[in-house]
Amino acid sequence: TGSINGFYVRSLGGINGIAPIGTRVFFVTDDPSVHDERVSSHEIGHILGLHHAIDDSERLMFSGTNGMALSEVEIGTSRYAAQGIVDGIR
């Protein structure tokens, strides 16, 4: 409990990263098309309950860009989910 696990793999069949739904695990390809630390952050965002942004390429949750911005709602959502993981209730 209380952990998120990340794995860096040789290939993911053309995608940069994935966080299987309902897990606290993410995978990032060794050679992503964007910054690898950004891909890791994006996938952790999914684990913390964030969904893809569809209207702003500067946002972390917009796919395939180097955007890093989070909205106030995304910050609140991810903090709430992270606390649930730490407390062992999520």
N, C-alpha and C. Protein backbone atom coordinates (compact mmCIF):
# COMPACT_ATOMS: atom_id res chain seq x y z
N THR A 1 0.83 -1.19 0.00
CA THR A 1 0.00 0.00 0.00
C THR A 1 0.87 1.25 0.00
N GLY A 2 0.32 2.33 -0.44
CA GLY A 2 1.02 3.59 -0.42
C GLY A 2 2.09 3.77 -1.46
N SER A 3 2.06 2.97 -2.52
CA SER A 3 3.12 3.12 -3.53
C SER A 3 2.54 3.16 -4.94
N ILE A 4 3.32 3.78 -5.80
CA ILE A 4 3.07 3.78 -7.24
C ILE A 4 4.34 3.23 -7.86
N ASN A 5 4.21 2.30 -8.78
CA ASN A 5 5.37 1.67 -9.41
C ASN A 5 5.46 2.05 -10.88
N GLY A 6 6.65 2.47 -11.30
CA GLY A 6 6.89 2.83 -12.69
C GLY A 6 7.93 1.91 -13.30
N PHE A 7 7.71 1.56 -14.56
CA PHE A 7 8.63 0.69 -15.28
C PHE A 7 8.96 1.34 -16.62
N TYR A 8 10.20 1.26 -16.99
CA TYR A 8 10.67 1.81 -18.26
C TYR A 8 11.04 0.63 -19.14
N VAL A 9 10.37 0.54 -20.27
CA VAL A 9 10.47 -0.64 -21.12
C VAL A 9 10.95 -0.27 -22.51
N ARG A 10 11.52 -1.24 -23.19
CA ARG A 10 12.10 -1.01 -24.51
C ARG A 10 11.08 -0.47 -25.50
N SER A 11 9.87 -1.03 -25.52
CA SER A 11 8.86 -0.60 -26.49
C SER A 11 7.47 -0.81 -25.93
N LEU A 12 6.56 0.07 -26.36
CA LEU A 12 5.14 -0.08 -26.02
C LEU A 12 4.27 -0.05 -27.27
N GLY A 13 4.83 -0.51 -28.36
CA GLY A 13 4.06 -0.59 -29.60
C GLY A 13 3.67 0.75 -30.18
N GLY A 14 4.50 1.77 -30.00
CA GLY A 14 4.24 3.06 -30.62
C GLY A 14 3.65 4.12 -29.70
N ILE A 15 3.29 3.77 -28.48
CA ILE A 15 2.79 4.78 -27.54
C ILE A 15 3.91 5.16 -26.57
N ASN A 16 3.80 6.32 -25.98
CA ASN A 16 4.83 6.80 -25.06
C ASN A 16 4.74 6.18 -23.68
N GLY A 17 3.52 5.95 -23.22
CA GLY A 17 3.33 5.41 -21.88
C GLY A 17 1.92 4.91 -21.69
N ILE A 18 1.75 4.16 -20.60
CA ILE A 18 0.42 3.64 -20.26
C ILE A 18 0.34 3.38 -18.76
N ALA A 19 -0.82 3.63 -18.20
CA ALA A 19 -1.13 3.29 -16.81
C ALA A 19 -2.42 2.49 -16.86
N PRO A 20 -2.32 1.16 -16.77
CA PRO A 20 -3.54 0.34 -16.85
C PRO A 20 -4.58 0.78 -15.81
N ILE A 21 -5.81 0.89 -16.25
CA ILE A 21 -6.91 1.36 -15.40
C ILE A 21 -7.03 0.47 -14.17
N GLY A 22 -7.20 1.12 -13.03
CA GLY A 22 -7.42 0.39 -11.79
C GLY A 22 -6.14 -0.10 -11.12
N THR A 23 -4.98 0.33 -11.63
CA THR A 23 -3.71 -0.09 -11.03
C THR A 23 -2.95 1.14 -10.53
N ARG A 24 -1.89 0.89 -9.81
CA ARG A 24 -0.96 1.95 -9.42
C ARG A 24 0.39 1.67 -10.06
N VAL A 25 0.34 1.27 -11.33
CA VAL A 25 1.52 0.92 -12.11
C VAL A 25 1.48 1.70 -13.42
N PHE A 26 2.65 2.16 -13.86
CA PHE A 26 2.72 2.78 -15.17
C PHE A 26 3.96 2.29 -15.90
N PHE A 27 3.91 2.39 -17.23
CA PHE A 27 5.00 1.99 -18.09
C PHE A 27 5.32 3.14 -19.04
N VAL A 28 6.61 3.38 -19.27
CA VAL A 28 7.07 4.41 -20.19
C VAL A 28 8.09 3.78 -21.13
N THR A 29 7.96 4.06 -22.41
CA THR A 29 8.90 3.52 -23.38
C THR A 29 10.27 4.18 -23.22
N ASP A 30 11.32 3.45 -23.56
CA ASP A 30 12.68 3.98 -23.46
C ASP A 30 12.94 5.15 -24.40
N ASP A 31 12.18 5.26 -25.47
CA ASP A 31 12.42 6.31 -26.47
C ASP A 31 11.11 7.03 -26.83
N PRO A 32 10.54 7.78 -25.87
CA PRO A 32 9.27 8.46 -26.16
C PRO A 32 9.45 9.62 -27.13
N SER A 33 8.35 10.05 -27.74
CA SER A 33 8.38 11.18 -28.68
C SER A 33 8.40 12.53 -27.97
N VAL A 34 8.21 12.55 -26.66
CA VAL A 34 8.27 13.76 -25.84
C VAL A 34 9.18 13.46 -24.64
N HIS A 35 9.42 14.45 -23.78
CA HIS A 35 10.31 14.26 -22.63
C HIS A 35 9.84 13.11 -21.74
N ASP A 36 10.75 12.21 -21.40
CA ASP A 36 10.34 11.03 -20.64
C ASP A 36 9.83 11.38 -19.24
N GLU A 37 10.38 12.42 -18.60
CA GLU A 37 9.86 12.80 -17.29
C GLU A 37 8.43 13.32 -17.40
N ARG A 38 8.10 13.91 -18.52
CA ARG A 38 6.75 14.39 -18.76
C ARG A 38 5.79 13.21 -18.95
N VAL A 39 6.25 12.17 -19.66
CA VAL A 39 5.42 10.97 -19.85
C VAL A 39 5.15 10.31 -18.50
N SER A 40 6.18 10.22 -17.67
CA SER A 40 6.00 9.64 -16.33
C SER A 40 4.99 10.43 -15.53
N SER A 41 5.10 11.75 -15.55
CA SER A 41 4.16 12.61 -14.82
C SER A 41 2.75 12.45 -15.34
N HIS A 42 2.59 12.38 -16.66
CA HIS A 42 1.28 12.19 -17.28
C HIS A 42 0.64 10.88 -16.82
N GLU A 43 1.43 9.81 -16.82
CA GLU A 43 0.88 8.51 -16.42
C GLU A 43 0.55 8.48 -14.93
N ILE A 44 1.37 9.12 -14.10
CA ILE A 44 1.04 9.22 -12.68
C ILE A 44 -0.24 10.03 -12.51
N GLY A 45 -0.43 11.04 -13.35
CA GLY A 45 -1.69 11.79 -13.33
C GLY A 45 -2.89 10.88 -13.52
N HIS A 46 -2.79 9.93 -14.45
CA HIS A 46 -3.89 8.98 -14.64
C HIS A 46 -4.13 8.16 -13.37
N ILE A 47 -3.06 7.69 -12.75
CA ILE A 47 -3.19 6.90 -11.53
C ILE A 47 -3.88 7.73 -10.44
N LEU A 48 -3.63 9.03 -10.44
CA LEU A 48 -4.23 9.92 -9.45
C LEU A 48 -5.59 10.46 -9.87
N GLY A 49 -6.20 9.85 -10.88
CA GLY A 49 -7.57 10.17 -11.25
C GLY A 49 -7.76 11.23 -12.30
N LEU A 50 -6.68 11.67 -12.96
CA LEU A 50 -6.81 12.71 -13.98
C LEU A 50 -7.09 12.09 -15.35
N HIS A 51 -7.85 12.81 -16.15
CA HIS A 51 -8.21 12.36 -17.49
C HIS A 51 -7.53 13.25 -18.53
N HIS A 52 -7.53 12.79 -19.77
CA HIS A 52 -6.91 13.57 -20.84
C HIS A 52 -7.59 14.92 -21.01
N ALA A 53 -6.78 15.95 -21.19
CA ALA A 53 -7.26 17.27 -21.59
C ALA A 53 -7.38 17.26 -23.11
N ILE A 54 -8.40 17.88 -23.64
CA ILE A 54 -8.59 17.83 -25.10
C ILE A 54 -8.50 19.20 -25.76
N ASP A 55 -8.29 20.25 -24.95
CA ASP A 55 -8.38 21.58 -25.53
C ASP A 55 -7.16 22.48 -25.32
N ASP A 56 -6.09 21.97 -24.69
CA ASP A 56 -4.96 22.85 -24.38
C ASP A 56 -3.67 22.04 -24.37
N SER A 57 -2.85 22.20 -25.39
CA SER A 57 -1.62 21.41 -25.53
C SER A 57 -0.55 21.78 -24.50
N GLU A 58 -0.78 22.83 -23.71
CA GLU A 58 0.17 23.19 -22.64
C GLU A 58 -0.08 22.41 -21.36
N ARG A 59 -1.17 21.64 -21.33
CA ARG A 59 -1.55 20.90 -20.13
C ARG A 59 -0.84 19.55 -20.07
N LEU A 60 -0.50 19.12 -18.88
CA LEU A 60 0.14 17.83 -18.65
C LEU A 60 -0.69 16.68 -19.20
N MET A 61 -1.99 16.77 -19.07
CA MET A 61 -2.85 15.65 -19.45
C MET A 61 -3.29 15.69 -20.91
N PHE A 62 -2.72 16.58 -21.70
CA PHE A 62 -2.93 16.58 -23.15
C PHE A 62 -1.93 15.60 -23.74
N SER A 63 -2.38 14.68 -24.53
CA SER A 63 -1.51 13.62 -25.06
C SER A 63 -0.54 14.12 -26.13
N GLY A 64 0.68 13.57 -26.09
CA GLY A 64 1.64 13.75 -27.16
C GLY A 64 2.35 15.08 -27.24
N THR A 65 2.32 15.88 -26.16
CA THR A 65 3.01 17.16 -26.15
C THR A 65 3.95 17.22 -24.95
N ASN A 66 4.68 18.29 -24.82
CA ASN A 66 5.53 18.49 -23.65
C ASN A 66 4.90 19.43 -22.63
N GLY A 67 3.58 19.64 -22.74
CA GLY A 67 2.88 20.49 -21.79
C GLY A 67 3.00 19.96 -20.37
N MET A 68 3.09 20.87 -19.39
CA MET A 68 3.25 20.47 -18.00
C MET A 68 2.24 21.13 -17.06
N ALA A 69 1.37 21.99 -17.55
CA ALA A 69 0.46 22.75 -16.68
C ALA A 69 -0.67 21.86 -16.15
N LEU A 70 -1.05 22.14 -14.90
CA LEU A 70 -2.21 21.51 -14.27
C LEU A 70 -3.20 22.60 -13.86
N SER A 71 -4.48 22.31 -14.00
CA SER A 71 -5.50 23.24 -13.53
C SER A 71 -5.64 23.11 -12.01
N GLU A 72 -6.30 24.07 -11.39
CA GLU A 72 -6.55 23.99 -9.95
C GLU A 72 -7.37 22.76 -9.60
N VAL A 73 -8.32 22.41 -10.45
CA VAL A 73 -9.13 21.21 -10.23
C VAL A 73 -8.27 19.96 -10.29
N GLU A 74 -7.37 19.88 -11.28
CA GLU A 74 -6.47 18.72 -11.40
C GLU A 74 -5.55 18.61 -10.18
N ILE A 75 -5.06 19.75 -9.70
CA ILE A 75 -4.21 19.73 -8.51
C ILE A 75 -4.99 19.19 -7.31
N GLY A 76 -6.20 19.68 -7.11
CA GLY A 76 -7.02 19.21 -6.00
C GLY A 76 -7.36 17.74 -6.11
N THR A 77 -7.73 17.30 -7.31
CA THR A 77 -8.07 15.90 -7.54
C THR A 77 -6.88 15.00 -7.25
N SER A 78 -5.71 15.35 -7.76
CA SER A 78 -4.54 14.50 -7.58
C SER A 78 -4.07 14.48 -6.13
N ARG A 79 -4.17 15.61 -5.43
CA ARG A 79 -3.81 15.63 -4.00
C ARG A 79 -4.74 14.74 -3.19
N TYR A 80 -6.02 14.80 -3.48
CA TYR A 80 -7.00 13.98 -2.78
C TYR A 80 -6.72 12.49 -3.02
N ALA A 81 -6.47 12.13 -4.27
CA ALA A 81 -6.19 10.73 -4.60
C ALA A 81 -4.88 10.27 -3.98
N ALA A 82 -3.85 11.12 -4.01
CA ALA A 82 -2.56 10.75 -3.41
C ALA A 82 -2.71 10.51 -1.91
N GLN A 83 -3.49 11.35 -1.25
CA GLN A 83 -3.70 11.14 0.18
C GLN A 83 -4.42 9.83 0.44
N GLY A 84 -5.35 9.47 -0.43
CA GLY A 84 -6.03 8.19 -0.30
C GLY A 84 -5.07 7.01 -0.45
N ILE A 85 -4.10 7.14 -1.35
CA ILE A 85 -3.09 6.09 -1.51
C ILE A 85 -2.23 5.99 -0.26
N VAL A 86 -1.76 7.11 0.25
CA VAL A 86 -0.93 7.13 1.45
C VAL A 86 -1.69 6.55 2.64
N ASP A 87 -2.98 6.88 2.74
CA ASP A 87 -3.79 6.39 3.85
C ASP A 87 -4.26 4.95 3.69
N GLY A 88 -3.99 4.36 2.52
CA GLY A 88 -4.37 2.98 2.28
C GLY A 88 -5.84 2.76 1.97
N ILE A 89 -6.54 3.82 1.54
CA ILE A 89 -7.97 3.67 1.23
C ILE A 89 -8.25 3.75 -0.26
N ARG A 90 -7.23 3.89 -1.05
CA ARG A 90 -7.40 3.94 -2.51
C ARG A 90 -6.42 2.98 -3.14
